[in-house]
PDB file of all heavy atoms in Angstrom:
ATOM      1  N   LEU A   1      91.294  52.571  66.588  1.00  0.00           N
ATOM      2  CA  LEU A   1      90.918  51.859  65.364  1.00  0.00           C
ATOM      3  C   LEU A   1      91.327  50.386  65.395  1.00  0.00           C
ATOM      4  O   LEU A   1      90.863  49.596  64.564  1.00  0.00           O
ATOM      5  CB  LEU A   1      91.541  52.548  64.144  1.00  0.00           C
ATOM      6  CG  LEU A   1      90.996  53.940  63.825  1.00  0.00           C
ATOM      7  CD1 LEU A   1      91.879  54.629  62.807  1.00  0.00           C
ATOM      8  CD2 LEU A   1      89.561  53.867  63.327  1.00  0.00           C
ATOM      9  N   LYS A   2      92.208  50.033  66.299  1.00  0.00           N
ATOM     10  CA  LYS A   2      92.637  48.638  66.479  1.00  0.00           C
ATOM     11  C   LYS A   2      93.110  48.003  65.174  1.00  0.00           C
ATOM     12  O   LYS A   2      92.740  46.880  64.826  1.00  0.00           O
ATOM     13  CB  LYS A   2      91.506  47.819  67.095  1.00  0.00           C
ATOM     14  CG  LYS A   2      91.114  48.291  68.486  1.00  0.00           C
ATOM     15  CD  LYS A   2      89.981  47.472  69.079  1.00  0.00           C
ATOM     16  CE  LYS A   2      89.625  47.988  70.469  1.00  0.00           C
ATOM     17  NZ  LYS A   2      88.493  47.245  71.072  1.00  0.00           N
ATOM     18  N   GLY A   3      93.899  48.795  64.432  1.00  0.00           N
ATOM     19  CA  GLY A   3      94.486  48.280  63.207  1.00  0.00           C
ATOM     20  C   GLY A   3      93.612  48.386  61.978  1.00  0.00           C
ATOM     21  O   GLY A   3      94.044  48.015  60.873  1.00  0.00           O
ATOM     22  N   LYS A   4      92.387  48.879  62.141  1.00  0.00           N
ATOM     23  CA  LYS A   4      91.496  49.027  60.986  1.00  0.00           C
ATOM     24  C   LYS A   4      91.934  50.236  60.154  1.00  0.00           C
ATOM     25  O   LYS A   4      92.855  50.970  60.507  1.00  0.00           O
ATOM     26  CB  LYS A   4      90.053  49.197  61.458  1.00  0.00           C
ATOM     27  CG  LYS A   4      89.540  48.094  62.376  1.00  0.00           C
ATOM     28  CD  LYS A   4      89.630  46.734  61.715  1.00  0.00           C
ATOM     29  CE  LYS A   4      88.953  45.647  62.543  1.00  0.00           C
ATOM     30  NZ  LYS A   4      89.684  45.330  63.787  1.00  0.00           N
ATOM     31  N   THR A   5      91.258  50.468  59.043  1.00  0.00           N
ATOM     32  CA  THR A   5      91.640  51.532  58.108  1.00  0.00           C
ATOM     33  C   THR A   5      90.594  52.638  58.084  1.00  0.00           C
ATOM     34  O   THR A   5      89.398  52.362  57.979  1.00  0.00           O
ATOM     35  CB  THR A   5      91.828  50.957  56.691  1.00  0.00           C
ATOM     36  OG1 THR A   5      92.881  49.992  56.721  1.00  0.00           O
ATOM     37  CG2 THR A   5      92.179  52.046  55.690  1.00  0.00           C
ATOM     38  N   LEU A   6      91.047  53.872  58.185  1.00  0.00           N
ATOM     39  CA  LEU A   6      90.175  55.053  58.137  1.00  0.00           C
ATOM     40  C   LEU A   6      90.451  55.815  56.844  1.00  0.00           C
ATOM     41  O   LEU A   6      91.593  56.135  56.530  1.00  0.00           O
ATOM     42  CB  LEU A   6      90.435  55.951  59.344  1.00  0.00           C
ATOM     43  CG  LEU A   6      89.537  57.184  59.484  1.00  0.00           C
ATOM     44  CD1 LEU A   6      88.119  56.769  59.874  1.00  0.00           C
ATOM     45  CD2 LEU A   6      90.105  58.155  60.521  1.00  0.00           C
ATOM     46  N   LEU A   7      89.382  56.103  56.108  1.00  0.00           N
ATOM     47  CA  LEU A   7      89.467  56.823  54.825  1.00  0.00           C
ATOM     48  C   LEU A   7      88.417  57.928  54.797  1.00  0.00           C
ATOM     49  O   LEU A   7      87.477  57.909  55.592  1.00  0.00           O
ATOM     50  CB  LEU A   7      89.134  55.896  53.652  1.00  0.00           C
ATOM     51  CG  LEU A   7      89.895  54.631  53.338  1.00  0.00           C
ATOM     52  CD1 LEU A   7      89.126  53.887  52.263  1.00  0.00           C
ATOM     53  CD2 LEU A   7      91.269  54.977  52.868  1.00  0.00           C
ATOM     54  N   PRO A   8      88.516  58.837  53.818  1.00  0.00           N
ATOM     55  CA  PRO A   8      87.356  59.693  53.539  1.00  0.00           C
ATOM     56  C   PRO A   8      86.216  58.791  53.062  1.00  0.00           C
ATOM     57  O   PRO A   8      86.456  57.780  52.389  1.00  0.00           O
ATOM     58  CB  PRO A   8      87.828  60.609  52.404  1.00  0.00           C
ATOM     59  CG  PRO A   8      89.299  60.407  52.292  1.00  0.00           C
ATOM     60  CD  PRO A   8      89.615  59.078  52.877  1.00  0.00           C
ATOM     61  N   SER A   9      85.003  59.127  53.407  1.00  0.00           N
ATOM     62  CA  SER A   9      83.870  58.309  52.957  1.00  0.00           C
ATOM     63  C   SER A   9      83.730  58.396  51.442  1.00  0.00           C
ATOM     64  O   SER A   9      84.272  59.286  50.784  1.00  0.00           O
ATOM     65  CB  SER A   9      82.585  58.769  53.632  1.00  0.00           C
ATOM     66  OG  SER A   9      82.335  60.130  53.332  1.00  0.00           O
ATOM     67  N   PHE A  10      82.975  57.467  50.888  1.00  0.00           N
ATOM     68  CA  PHE A  10      82.823  57.377  49.436  1.00  0.00           C
ATOM     69  C   PHE A  10      81.766  58.368  48.943  1.00  0.00           C
ATOM     70  O   PHE A  10      80.797  58.691  49.645  1.00  0.00           O
ATOM     71  CB  PHE A  10      82.450  55.957  49.028  1.00  0.00           C
ATOM     72  CG  PHE A  10      83.470  54.930  49.433  1.00  0.00           C
ATOM     73  CD1 PHE A  10      83.083  53.756  50.082  1.00  0.00           C
ATOM     74  CD2 PHE A  10      84.821  55.135  49.183  1.00  0.00           C
ATOM     75  CE1 PHE A  10      84.024  52.815  50.455  1.00  0.00           C
ATOM     76  CE2 PHE A  10      85.767  54.201  49.560  1.00  0.00           C
ATOM     77  CZ  PHE A  10      85.364  53.030  50.197  1.00  0.00           C
ATOM     78  N   ILE A  11      81.968  58.825  47.718  1.00  0.00           N
ATOM     79  CA  ILE A  11      81.081  59.797  47.081  1.00  0.00           C
ATOM     80  C   ILE A  11      80.509  59.171  45.811  1.00  0.00           C
ATOM     81  O   ILE A  11      81.248  58.722  44.939  1.00  0.00           O
ATOM     82  CB  ILE A  11      81.856  61.087  46.733  1.00  0.00           C
ATOM     83  CG1 ILE A  11      82.397  61.734  48.023  1.00  0.00           C
ATOM     84  CG2 ILE A  11      80.971  62.064  45.971  1.00  0.00           C
ATOM     85  CD1 ILE A  11      83.352  62.889  47.766  1.00  0.00           C
ATOM     86  N   ASP A  12      79.211  59.137  45.736  1.00  0.00           N
ATOM     87  CA  ASP A  12      78.510  58.538  44.593  1.00  0.00           C
ATOM     88  C   ASP A  12      78.491  59.547  43.449  1.00  0.00           C
ATOM     89  O   ASP A  12      77.831  60.585  43.537  1.00  0.00           O
ATOM     90  CB  ASP A  12      77.092  58.169  45.027  1.00  0.00           C
ATOM     91  CG  ASP A  12      76.256  57.581  43.912  1.00  0.00           C
ATOM     92  OD1 ASP A  12      76.840  57.000  42.987  1.00  0.00           O
ATOM     93  OD2 ASP A  12      75.013  57.706  43.976  1.00  0.00           O
ATOM     94  N   ALA A  13      79.200  59.224  42.388  1.00  0.00           N
ATOM     95  CA  ALA A  13      79.319  60.158  41.265  1.00  0.00           C
ATOM     96  C   ALA A  13      78.274  59.928  40.179  1.00  0.00           C
ATOM     97  O   ALA A  13      78.070  60.796  39.323  1.00  0.00           O
ATOM     98  CB  ALA A  13      80.714  60.054  40.645  1.00  0.00           C
ATOM     99  N   TRP A  14      77.637  58.752  40.220  1.00  0.00           N
ATOM    100  CA  TRP A  14      76.659  58.453  39.164  1.00  0.00           C
ATOM    101  C   TRP A  14      75.800  57.286  39.640  1.00  0.00           C
ATOM    102  O   TRP A  14      76.286  56.176  39.804  1.00  0.00           O
ATOM    103  CB  TRP A  14      77.378  58.085  37.869  1.00  0.00           C
ATOM    104  CG  TRP A  14      76.520  58.174  36.642  1.00  0.00           C
ATOM    105  CD1 TRP A  14      75.847  57.160  36.028  1.00  0.00           C
ATOM    106  CD2 TRP A  14      76.245  59.343  35.871  1.00  0.00           C
ATOM    107  NE1 TRP A  14      75.165  57.622  34.935  1.00  0.00           N
ATOM    108  CE2 TRP A  14      75.397  58.968  34.809  1.00  0.00           C
ATOM    109  CE3 TRP A  14      76.626  60.671  35.986  1.00  0.00           C
ATOM    110  CZ2 TRP A  14      74.938  59.880  33.866  1.00  0.00           C
ATOM    111  CZ3 TRP A  14      76.164  61.581  35.042  1.00  0.00           C
ATOM    112  CH2 TRP A  14      75.334  61.181  33.990  1.00  0.00           C
ATOM    113  N   GLY A  15      74.518  57.543  39.878  1.00  0.00           N
ATOM    114  CA  GLY A  15      73.659  56.472  40.372  1.00  0.00           C
ATOM    115  C   GLY A  15      72.205  56.892  40.426  1.00  0.00           C
ATOM    116  O   GLY A  15      71.832  57.986  40.010  1.00  0.00           O
ATOM    117  N   HIS A  16      71.397  55.993  40.972  1.00  0.00           N
ATOM    118  CA  HIS A  16      69.943  56.191  40.999  1.00  0.00           C
ATOM    119  C   HIS A  16      69.431  56.090  42.432  1.00  0.00           C
ATOM    120  O   HIS A  16      68.819  55.077  42.800  1.00  0.00           O
ATOM    121  CB  HIS A  16      69.245  55.123  40.163  1.00  0.00           C
ATOM    122  CG  HIS A  16      69.474  55.198  38.694  1.00  0.00           C
ATOM    123  ND1 HIS A  16      68.771  56.040  37.864  1.00  0.00           N
ATOM    124  CD2 HIS A  16      70.308  54.502  37.887  1.00  0.00           C
ATOM    125  CE1 HIS A  16      69.167  55.856  36.606  1.00  0.00           C
ATOM    126  NE2 HIS A  16      70.092  54.939  36.595  1.00  0.00           N
ATOM    127  N   PHE A  17      69.652  57.098  43.243  1.00  0.00           N
ATOM    128  CA  PHE A  17      69.168  57.036  44.623  1.00  0.00           C
ATOM    129  C   PHE A  17      67.665  56.768  44.675  1.00  0.00           C
ATOM    130  O   PHE A  17      67.194  55.927  45.452  1.00  0.00           O
ATOM    131  CB  PHE A  17      69.492  58.342  45.357  1.00  0.00           C
ATOM    132  CG  PHE A  17      68.942  58.399  46.749  1.00  0.00           C
ATOM    133  CD1 PHE A  17      69.633  57.822  47.807  1.00  0.00           C
ATOM    134  CD2 PHE A  17      67.723  59.026  47.013  1.00  0.00           C
ATOM    135  CE1 PHE A  17      69.124  57.863  49.100  1.00  0.00           C
ATOM    136  CE2 PHE A  17      67.208  59.071  48.297  1.00  0.00           C
ATOM    137  CZ  PHE A  17      67.911  58.482  49.346  1.00  0.00           C
ATOM    138  N   THR A  18      66.886  57.473  43.855  1.00  0.00           N
ATOM    139  CA  THR A  18      65.428  57.309  43.919  1.00  0.00           C
ATOM    140  C   THR A  18      64.993  55.934  43.447  1.00  0.00           C
ATOM    141  O   THR A  18      64.003  55.387  43.935  1.00  0.00           O
ATOM    142  CB  THR A  18      64.711  58.400  43.092  1.00  0.00           C
ATOM    143  OG1 THR A  18      65.192  58.374  41.743  1.00  0.00           O
ATOM    144  CG2 THR A  18      64.966  59.776  43.686  1.00  0.00           C
ATOM    145  N   LEU A  19      65.726  55.356  42.500  1.00  0.00           N
ATOM    146  CA  LEU A  19      65.400  54.006  42.028  1.00  0.00           C
ATOM    147  C   LEU A  19      65.764  52.961  43.077  1.00  0.00           C
ATOM    148  O   LEU A  19      65.028  51.993  43.297  1.00  0.00           O
ATOM    149  CB  LEU A  19      66.118  53.716  40.710  1.00  0.00           C
ATOM    150  CG  LEU A  19      65.808  52.384  40.029  1.00  0.00           C
ATOM    151  CD1 LEU A  19      64.310  52.206  39.829  1.00  0.00           C
ATOM    152  CD2 LEU A  19      66.526  52.293  38.683  1.00  0.00           C
ATOM    153  N   ILE A  20      66.910  53.156  43.736  1.00  0.00           N
ATOM    154  CA  ILE A  20      67.282  52.273  44.839  1.00  0.00           C
ATOM    155  C   ILE A  20      66.197  52.322  45.912  1.00  0.00           C
ATOM    156  O   ILE A  20      65.797  51.295  46.476  1.00  0.00           O
ATOM    157  CB  ILE A  20      68.635  52.692  45.435  1.00  0.00           C
ATOM    158  CG1 ILE A  20      69.764  52.370  44.468  1.00  0.00           C
ATOM    159  CG2 ILE A  20      68.896  52.003  46.769  1.00  0.00           C
ATOM    160  CD1 ILE A  20      69.984  50.907  44.245  1.00  0.00           C
ATOM    161  N   ALA A  21      65.725  53.527  46.208  1.00  0.00           N
ATOM    162  CA  ALA A  21      64.664  53.690  47.198  1.00  0.00           C
ATOM    163  C   ALA A  21      63.424  52.906  46.786  1.00  0.00           C
ATOM    164  O   ALA A  21      62.843  52.151  47.586  1.00  0.00           O
ATOM    165  CB  ALA A  21      64.335  55.167  47.365  1.00  0.00           C
ATOM    166  N   GLN A  22      63.024  53.072  45.547  1.00  0.00           N
ATOM    167  CA  GLN A  22      61.846  52.361  45.038  1.00  0.00           C
ATOM    168  C   GLN A  22      62.027  50.849  45.127  1.00  0.00           C
ATOM    169  O   GLN A  22      61.120  50.112  45.527  1.00  0.00           O
ATOM    170  CB  GLN A  22      61.613  52.794  43.586  1.00  0.00           C
ATOM    171  CG  GLN A  22      60.511  52.064  42.858  1.00  0.00           C
ATOM    172  CD  GLN A  22      60.402  52.551  41.433  1.00  0.00           C
ATOM    173  OE1 GLN A  22      59.761  53.560  41.180  1.00  0.00           O
ATOM    174  NE2 GLN A  22      61.023  51.852  40.499  1.00  0.00           N
ATOM    175  N   ASN A  23      63.223  50.379  44.772  1.00  0.00           N
ATOM    176  CA  ASN A  23      63.474  48.943  44.741  1.00  0.00           C
ATOM    177  C   ASN A  23      63.447  48.287  46.119  1.00  0.00           C
ATOM    178  O   ASN A  23      63.362  47.066  46.223  1.00  0.00           O
ATOM    179  CB  ASN A  23      64.821  48.654  44.077  1.00  0.00           C
ATOM    180  CG  ASN A  23      64.766  48.747  42.567  1.00  0.00           C
ATOM    181  OD1 ASN A  23      63.692  48.891  41.990  1.00  0.00           O
ATOM    182  ND2 ASN A  23      65.910  48.677  41.922  1.00  0.00           N
ATOM    183  N   THR A  24      63.525  49.099  47.163  1.00  0.00           N
ATOM    184  CA  THR A  24      63.473  48.503  48.511  1.00  0.00           C
ATOM    185  C   THR A  24      62.086  47.930  48.818  1.00  0.00           C
ATOM    186  O   THR A  24      61.926  47.219  49.806  1.00  0.00           O
ATOM    187  CB  THR A  24      63.858  49.524  49.600  1.00  0.00           C
ATOM    188  OG1 THR A  24      62.925  50.614  49.601  1.00  0.00           O
ATOM    189  CG2 THR A  24      65.274  50.038  49.395  1.00  0.00           C
ATOM    190  N   LEU A  25      61.112  48.223  47.964  1.00  0.00           N
ATOM    191  CA  LEU A  25      59.778  47.642  48.125  1.00  0.00           C
ATOM    192  C   LEU A  25      59.654  46.314  47.388  1.00  0.00           C
ATOM    193  O   LEU A  25      58.590  45.690  47.410  1.00  0.00           O
ATOM    194  CB  LEU A  25      58.711  48.619  47.618  1.00  0.00           C
ATOM    195  CG  LEU A  25      58.657  49.977  48.322  1.00  0.00           C
ATOM    196  CD1 LEU A  25      57.613  50.866  47.669  1.00  0.00           C
ATOM    197  CD2 LEU A  25      58.363  49.803  49.806  1.00  0.00           C
ATOM    198  N   SER A  26      60.724  45.887  46.731  1.00  0.00           N
ATOM    199  CA  SER A  26      60.706  44.634  45.968  1.00  0.00           C
ATOM    200  C   SER A  26      61.677  43.622  46.591  1.00  0.00           C
ATOM    201  O   SER A  26      62.365  43.929  47.561  1.00  0.00           O
ATOM    202  CB  SER A  26      61.108  44.910  44.510  1.00  0.00           C
ATOM    203  OG  SER A  26      62.464  45.318  44.438  1.00  0.00           O
ATOM    204  N   VAL A  27      61.718  42.433  46.018  1.00  0.00           N
ATOM    205  CA  VAL A  27      62.666  41.406  46.465  1.00  0.00           C
ATOM    206  C   VAL A  27      63.984  41.623  45.727  1.00  0.00           C
ATOM    207  O   VAL A  27      64.014  41.613  44.488  1.00  0.00           O
ATOM    208  CB  VAL A  27      62.132  39.988  46.184  1.00  0.00           C
ATOM    209  CG1 VAL A  27      63.150  38.937  46.629  1.00  0.00           C
ATOM    210  CG2 VAL A  27      60.806  39.763  46.879  1.00  0.00           C
ATOM    211  N   ASN A  28      65.048  41.828  46.461  1.00  0.00           N
ATOM    212  CA  ASN A  28      66.366  42.042  45.859  1.00  0.00           C
ATOM    213  C   ASN A  28      66.928  40.693  45.402  1.00  0.00           C
ATOM    214  O   ASN A  28      67.274  39.846  46.222  1.00  0.00           O
ATOM    215  CB  ASN A  28      67.302  42.694  46.867  1.00  0.00           C
ATOM    216  CG  ASN A  28      68.659  43.047  46.280  1.00  0.00           C
ATOM    217  OD1 ASN A  28      69.026  42.589  45.204  1.00  0.00           O
ATOM    218  ND2 ASN A  28      69.420  43.846  46.990  1.00  0.00           N
ATOM    219  N   LEU A  29      67.047  40.529  44.092  1.00  0.00           N
ATOM    220  CA  LEU A  29      67.527  39.275  43.498  1.00  0.00           C
ATOM    221  C   LEU A  29      68.948  39.421  42.956  1.00  0.00           C
ATOM    222  O   LEU A  29      69.409  38.576  42.199  1.00  0.00           O
ATOM    223  CB  LEU A  29      66.581  38.851  42.364  1.00  0.00           C
ATOM    224  CG  LEU A  29      65.111  38.663  42.760  1.00  0.00           C
ATOM    225  CD1 LEU A  29      64.235  38.522  41.520  1.00  0.00           C
ATOM    226  CD2 LEU A  29      64.946  37.450  43.668  1.00  0.00           C
ATOM    227  N   GLY A  30      69.639  40.482  43.338  1.00  0.00           N
ATOM    228  CA  GLY A  30      70.958  40.772  42.785  1.00  0.00           C
ATOM    229  C   GLY A  30      72.054  39.859  43.300  1.00  0.00           C
ATOM    230  O   GLY A  30      71.907  39.182  44.325  1.00  0.00           O
ATOM    231  N   TYR A  31      73.177  39.878  42.589  1.00  0.00           N
ATOM    232  CA  TYR A  31      74.339  39.095  42.997  1.00  0.00           C
ATOM    233  C   TYR A  31      74.882  39.554  44.342  1.00  0.00           C
ATOM    234  O   TYR A  31      75.606  38.829  45.023  1.00  0.00           O
ATOM    235  CB  TYR A  31      75.438  39.168  41.926  1.00  0.00           C
ATOM    236  CG  TYR A  31      76.082  40.525  41.773  1.00  0.00           C
ATOM    237  CD1 TYR A  31      77.133  40.930  42.598  1.00  0.00           C
ATOM    238  CD2 TYR A  31      75.655  41.415  40.793  1.00  0.00           C
ATOM    239  CE1 TYR A  31      77.728  42.175  42.458  1.00  0.00           C
ATOM    240  CE2 TYR A  31      76.235  42.667  40.654  1.00  0.00           C
ATOM    241  CZ  TYR A  31      77.272  43.034  41.483  1.00  0.00           C
ATOM    242  OH  TYR A  31      77.858  44.267  41.351  1.00  0.00           O
ATOM    243  N   PHE A  32      74.532  40.761  44.746  1.00  0.00           N
ATOM    244  CA  PHE A  32      75.016  41.352  45.994  1.00  0.00           C
ATOM    245  C   PHE A  32      73.988  41.224  47.116  1.00  0.00           C
ATOM    246  O   PHE A  32      74.194  41.744  48.205  1.00  0.00           O
ATOM    247  CB  PHE A  32      75.342  42.835  45.775  1.00  0.00           C
ATOM    248  CG  PHE A  32      74.238  43.585  45.075  1.00  0.00           C
ATOM    249  CD1 PHE A  32      73.185  44.121  45.793  1.00  0.00           C
ATOM    250  CD2 PHE A  32      74.250  43.725  43.697  1.00  0.00           C
ATOM    251  CE1 PHE A  32      72.160  44.787  45.154  1.00  0.00           C
ATOM    252  CE2 PHE A  32      73.220  44.403  43.042  1.00  0.00           C
ATOM    253  CZ  PHE A  32      72.176  44.930  43.776  1.00  0.00           C
ATOM    254  N   SER A  33      72.867  40.550  46.865  1.00  0.00           N
ATOM    255  CA  SER A  33      71.845  40.394  47.901  1.00  0.00           C
ATOM    256  C   SER A  33      72.301  39.380  48.946  1.00  0.00           C
ATOM    257  O   SER A  33      73.308  38.684  48.766  1.00  0.00           O
ATOM    258  CB  SER A  33      70.517  39.950  47.280  1.00  0.00           C
ATOM    259  OG  SER A  33      70.650  38.675  46.669  1.00  0.00           O
TER     260      SER A  33
END
């Protein structure tokens, strides 16, 4: 790991997978783009 951190992966407890999928056909204008 060369000093990196290993954790259990994250679990999505509340979200819109299908909406995220749909939005990939659009231009992402978010603060995280």
